[in-house]
Protein backbone atom coordinates (compact mmCIF):
# COMPACT_ATOMS: atom_id res chain seq x y z
CA MET A 1 -22.05 -3.37 -0.11
CA PRO A 2 -26.07 -1.99 -1.63
CA ASP A 3 -25.67 -0.51 -5.12
CA THR A 4 -24.82 3.03 -4.11
CA THR A 5 -23.31 4.22 -7.56
CA ILE A 6 -24.08 7.49 -8.25
CA THR A 7 -26.33 7.23 -11.37
CA GLU A 8 -26.92 11.30 -12.49
CA ALA A 9 -23.09 12.93 -13.58
CA PRO A 10 -23.02 16.86 -12.00
CA ALA A 11 -22.08 19.14 -14.59
CA GLY A 12 -19.23 18.48 -15.69
CA PHE A 13 -17.39 15.69 -14.80
CA ALA A 14 -18.96 12.58 -14.55
CA PRO A 15 -18.65 9.91 -11.82
CA LEU A 16 -16.50 6.10 -12.88
CA GLU A 17 -19.02 3.30 -12.97
CA ARG A 18 -18.59 0.09 -10.85
CA ARG A 19 -16.58 -1.69 -12.98
CA ALA A 20 -14.63 1.31 -14.27
CA LEU A 21 -13.84 1.88 -11.11
CA ALA A 22 -12.63 -1.84 -10.18
CA ALA A 23 -10.58 -1.43 -13.58
CA ARG A 24 -8.91 1.72 -11.67
CA VAL A 25 -7.93 -0.28 -8.86
CA ALA A 26 -6.79 -3.52 -10.24
CA GLN A 27 -4.11 -1.43 -12.59
CA ASP A 28 -2.51 -0.21 -9.12
CA ILE A 29 -1.95 -3.69 -7.58
CA PRO A 30 1.91 -4.81 -8.41
CA GLU A 31 3.36 -8.04 -10.36
CA GLY A 32 3.73 -10.98 -8.17
CA TRP A 33 1.44 -9.72 -5.05
CA TYR A 34 -1.18 -11.95 -3.28
CA CYS A 35 -4.55 -9.78 -3.08
CA ASN A 36 -7.33 -10.43 -0.90
CA LEU A 37 -10.61 -9.06 -2.47
CA GLY A 38 -13.82 -8.49 -0.52
CA ILE A 39 -17.27 -9.28 -0.83
CA GLY A 40 -19.09 -7.18 -3.19
CA MET A 41 -17.48 -4.12 -5.53
CA PRO A 42 -14.30 -5.81 -4.88
CA THR A 43 -14.58 -9.13 -6.75
CA LEU A 44 -14.81 -7.07 -9.69
CA VAL A 45 -11.17 -6.20 -9.51
CA ALA A 46 -9.92 -10.09 -10.53
CA ASP A 47 -12.27 -9.33 -14.22
CA TYR A 48 -9.49 -6.28 -14.93
CA VAL A 49 -6.44 -7.89 -14.47
CA PRO A 50 -4.58 -9.18 -17.92
CA PRO A 51 -3.61 -13.14 -17.78
CA GLU A 52 0.01 -12.19 -18.61
CA ARG A 53 0.36 -10.46 -15.04
CA GLU A 54 0.91 -12.71 -12.24
CA VAL A 55 -1.46 -10.86 -9.42
CA ILE A 56 -2.79 -13.60 -7.11
CA PHE A 57 -6.16 -13.60 -6.10
CA HIS A 58 -6.92 -14.74 -2.44
CA SER A 59 -10.79 -15.93 -1.84
CA GLU A 60 -11.29 -16.08 2.13
CA ASN A 61 -13.28 -19.36 1.60
CA GLY A 62 -10.39 -21.48 0.42
CA VAL A 63 -8.81 -20.21 -2.81
CA LEU A 64 -6.35 -19.03 -4.29
CA GLY A 65 -5.02 -18.03 -7.58
CA MET A 66 -8.46 -16.95 -8.42
CA GLY A 67 -9.12 -16.21 -11.64
CA PRO A 68 -12.07 -13.63 -13.51
CA ALA A 69 -15.56 -14.45 -13.39
CA PRO A 70 -16.31 -17.72 -16.22
CA ASP A 71 -18.33 -17.06 -19.23
CA PRO A 72 -21.92 -18.35 -18.98
CA GLU A 73 -20.93 -21.20 -20.83
CA HIS A 74 -18.03 -22.23 -18.79
CA VAL A 75 -19.59 -22.06 -14.74
CA ASN A 76 -18.32 -24.73 -12.62
CA PRO A 77 -21.77 -24.73 -9.90
CA TRP A 78 -18.69 -25.93 -6.88
CA LEU A 79 -16.47 -22.65 -7.64
CA ILE A 80 -17.25 -19.53 -6.19
CA ASN A 81 -16.09 -16.94 -4.37
CA ALA A 82 -16.89 -15.40 -0.64
CA GLY A 83 -19.29 -13.61 -2.06
CA LYS A 84 -21.10 -16.90 -3.62
CA GLN A 85 -20.06 -15.81 -6.82
CA HIS A 86 -18.88 -18.20 -9.72
CA ILE A 87 -15.13 -17.74 -10.03
CA THR A 88 -12.41 -19.18 -12.35
CA LEU A 89 -9.26 -20.28 -11.01
CA ARG A 90 -5.84 -19.61 -12.94
CA THR A 91 -3.51 -21.79 -14.12
CA GLY A 92 -1.29 -22.91 -10.41
CA GLY A 93 -4.06 -21.94 -8.27
CA SER A 94 -5.94 -24.19 -5.89
CA TYR A 95 -8.00 -24.61 -3.15
CA VAL A 96 -7.59 -24.84 0.78
CA HIS A 97 -9.31 -25.61 3.57
CA HIS A 98 -10.96 -22.53 5.72
CA ALA A 99 -9.17 -22.88 8.24
CA ASP A 100 -5.81 -22.70 6.12
CA SER A 101 -7.01 -19.96 4.17
CA PHE A 102 -7.34 -17.53 7.27
CA ALA A 103 -3.97 -19.04 8.78
CA MET A 104 -2.70 -17.40 5.45
CA ILE A 105 -5.06 -13.92 7.11
CA ARG A 106 -3.87 -14.03 10.24
CA GLY A 107 -0.04 -14.89 9.20
CA GLY A 108 0.97 -12.06 7.38
CA HIS A 109 0.81 -13.50 3.75
CA LEU A 110 -1.26 -11.01 1.87
CA ASP A 111 0.52 -7.95 0.37
CA LEU A 112 -2.96 -6.63 0.07
CA CYS A 113 -6.97 -6.74 0.96
CA VAL A 114 -9.34 -4.76 -1.21
CA LEU A 115 -12.82 -3.79 0.81
CA GLY A 116 -15.54 -2.25 0.35
CA ALA A 117 -16.39 0.30 2.91
CA TYR A 118 -19.10 2.62 3.98
CA GLU A 119 -16.80 5.12 5.68
CA VAL A 120 -13.06 5.42 5.70
CA ALA A 121 -11.87 8.63 8.24
CA GLU A 122 -9.07 10.30 7.52
CA ASN A 123 -6.89 8.30 10.22
CA GLY A 124 -7.23 5.20 8.16
CA ASP A 125 -10.85 3.87 10.25
CA ILE A 126 -13.01 1.82 8.13
CA ALA A 127 -16.44 1.05 8.76
CA ASN A 128 -17.76 -1.63 6.28
CA TRP A 129 -20.05 -3.92 7.95
CA ALA A 130 -23.35 -1.98 9.84
CA THR A 131 -24.80 1.37 9.05
CA SER A 132 -26.04 1.59 12.69
CA ALA A 133 -24.82 0.45 16.43
CA GLY A 134 -28.62 -1.73 16.36
CA GLU A 135 -28.61 -2.79 13.14
CA ARG A 136 -29.13 -6.75 12.94
CA ALA A 137 -26.05 -7.47 10.33
CA PRO A 138 -25.14 -11.31 11.00
CA ALA A 139 -21.24 -10.47 11.65
CA VAL A 140 -18.43 -8.59 10.61
CA GLY A 141 -17.17 -11.88 9.27
CA GLY A 142 -13.79 -12.22 7.52
CA ALA A 143 -13.04 -8.46 6.89
CA MET A 144 -11.86 -7.81 10.64
CA ASP A 145 -9.46 -10.12 10.16
CA LEU A 146 -8.27 -9.44 6.67
CA ALA A 147 -8.12 -5.12 7.70
CA VAL A 148 -5.92 -6.26 10.15
CA GLY A 149 -3.94 -9.57 8.83
CA ALA A 150 -2.63 -7.92 5.17
CA LYS A 151 0.09 -5.69 5.20
CA ARG A 152 -2.46 -3.16 3.21
CA LEU A 153 -5.78 -2.65 3.03
CA TRP A 154 -7.29 -0.29 0.11
CA ALA A 155 -11.14 0.59 0.61
CA VAL A 156 -13.23 1.12 -2.17
CA MET A 157 -16.53 2.56 -2.31
CA ASP A 158 -18.64 5.54 -3.87
CA HIS A 159 -17.69 9.18 -2.44
CA VAL A 160 -21.06 10.20 -1.30
CA THR A 161 -24.45 8.08 -0.74
CA LYS A 162 -27.39 7.94 -2.07
CA ASP A 163 -28.50 10.80 -0.07
CA GLY A 164 -25.34 12.87 -0.53
CA ARG A 165 -23.47 12.57 2.69
CA PRO A 166 -20.13 12.12 2.67
CA ARG A 167 -18.65 8.84 2.91
CA VAL A 168 -14.84 9.98 3.28
CA VAL A 169 -15.43 11.38 6.93
CA ARG A 170 -13.22 12.90 9.88
CA ARG A 171 -14.34 9.89 12.08
CA CYS A 172 -16.18 7.24 11.38
CA SER A 173 -20.23 7.55 12.75
CA TYR A 174 -20.87 3.89 11.91
CA PRO A 175 -19.71 0.74 14.06
CA LEU A 176 -15.77 0.04 13.19
CA THR A 177 -14.31 -3.24 11.04
CA ALA A 178 -10.83 -1.63 12.39
CA VAL A 179 -8.76 1.09 13.37
CA GLY A 180 -6.10 3.02 11.60
CA ALA A 181 -6.17 0.03 8.80
CA VAL A 182 -6.70 1.86 5.20
CA ARG A 183 -3.48 2.98 3.10
CA ARG A 184 -5.46 4.04 0.24
CA VAL A 185 -9.09 5.55 -0.73
CA TYR A 186 -10.94 4.63 -4.49
CA THR A 187 -13.60 6.34 -4.90
CA ASN A 188 -15.98 6.86 -8.15
CA LEU A 189 -15.04 10.34 -7.97
CA ALA A 190 -11.30 10.03 -6.97
CA VAL A 191 -7.99 8.47 -5.23
CA LEU A 192 -7.32 9.55 -2.25
CA ASP A 193 -4.08 8.52 0.28
CA VAL A 194 -4.38 8.15 3.98
CA THR A 195 -1.10 9.71 5.46
CA GLU A 196 0.07 11.13 8.47
CA ARG A 197 -1.45 14.31 7.80
CA GLY A 198 -4.94 13.16 6.77
CA PHE A 199 -6.25 12.35 2.86
CA VAL A 200 -4.05 13.33 0.18
CA VAL A 201 -5.42 13.48 -2.94
CA ARG A 202 -3.57 11.62 -5.80
CA GLU A 203 -6.13 11.47 -8.38
CA MET A 204 -9.82 13.12 -9.64
CA VAL A 205 -11.92 12.34 -12.28
CA PRO A 206 -11.42 14.62 -15.39
CA GLY A 207 -13.18 17.32 -14.94
CA LEU A 208 -13.70 17.47 -11.22
CA THR A 209 -12.32 20.52 -9.22
CA PHE A 210 -10.23 19.95 -5.96
CA GLU A 211 -12.70 22.71 -4.39
CA ALA A 212 -15.93 20.05 -5.58
CA LEU A 213 -14.23 17.15 -4.80
CA GLN A 214 -13.63 18.76 -0.98
CA ALA A 215 -17.56 20.09 -1.08
CA ARG A 216 -18.37 16.56 -1.49
CA THR A 217 -16.04 15.05 1.47
CA ASP A 218 -16.19 15.35 5.25
CA ALA A 219 -12.57 15.51 6.33
CA LYS A 220 -10.48 18.19 4.65
CA LEU A 221 -8.10 17.39 1.98
CA LEU A 222 -4.64 18.25 0.86
CA ARG A 223 -3.05 18.47 -2.09
CA GLU A 224 -0.44 16.33 -3.47
CA GLY A 225 3.37 16.70 -3.16
């Protein structure tokens, strides 16, 4: 996904930067879960799980037990994630064939997948691979398999586009990756749960009011409780 981080903070509150947002996602991944990290912002999540916690990160190109990004002086040029970024391997980690990697995905063996998104709808639809029907994107890639194969799907994205259009919407306007798949959305303004009633606000950045968040959101927001 392109970098659409808001660079100018609105009065009274500051959106999370990309790394702070990745760290926020990392806080919520339970001990012992097998988790795929999608291309883009989600790959940063691996940098914020401390070594003493056991979260087993999966990369669709065939890595199980992926660690954080390496220091520049310790780069293994042959060890990369699905986004072609250099990574490390945690103790006990392994490489697997690409077909075996997708067998893990399609077989329902992943507890969680974290994907970047262009839009997420109030019913859990996700659009994350193209911004128009005529866009010449190579393909949806493994995102479609991950969205339906993992037990849970969390989306991470900026709350609005660079020109201020909401990404948290009533219905997606972009080509869909999966229907009704997203359970939770992490944006640089808030954490939202996708429920049968719609988006429930679990958390907001300090200083942001519910009304200000709703003004930046197409879908109706609900208060927790």
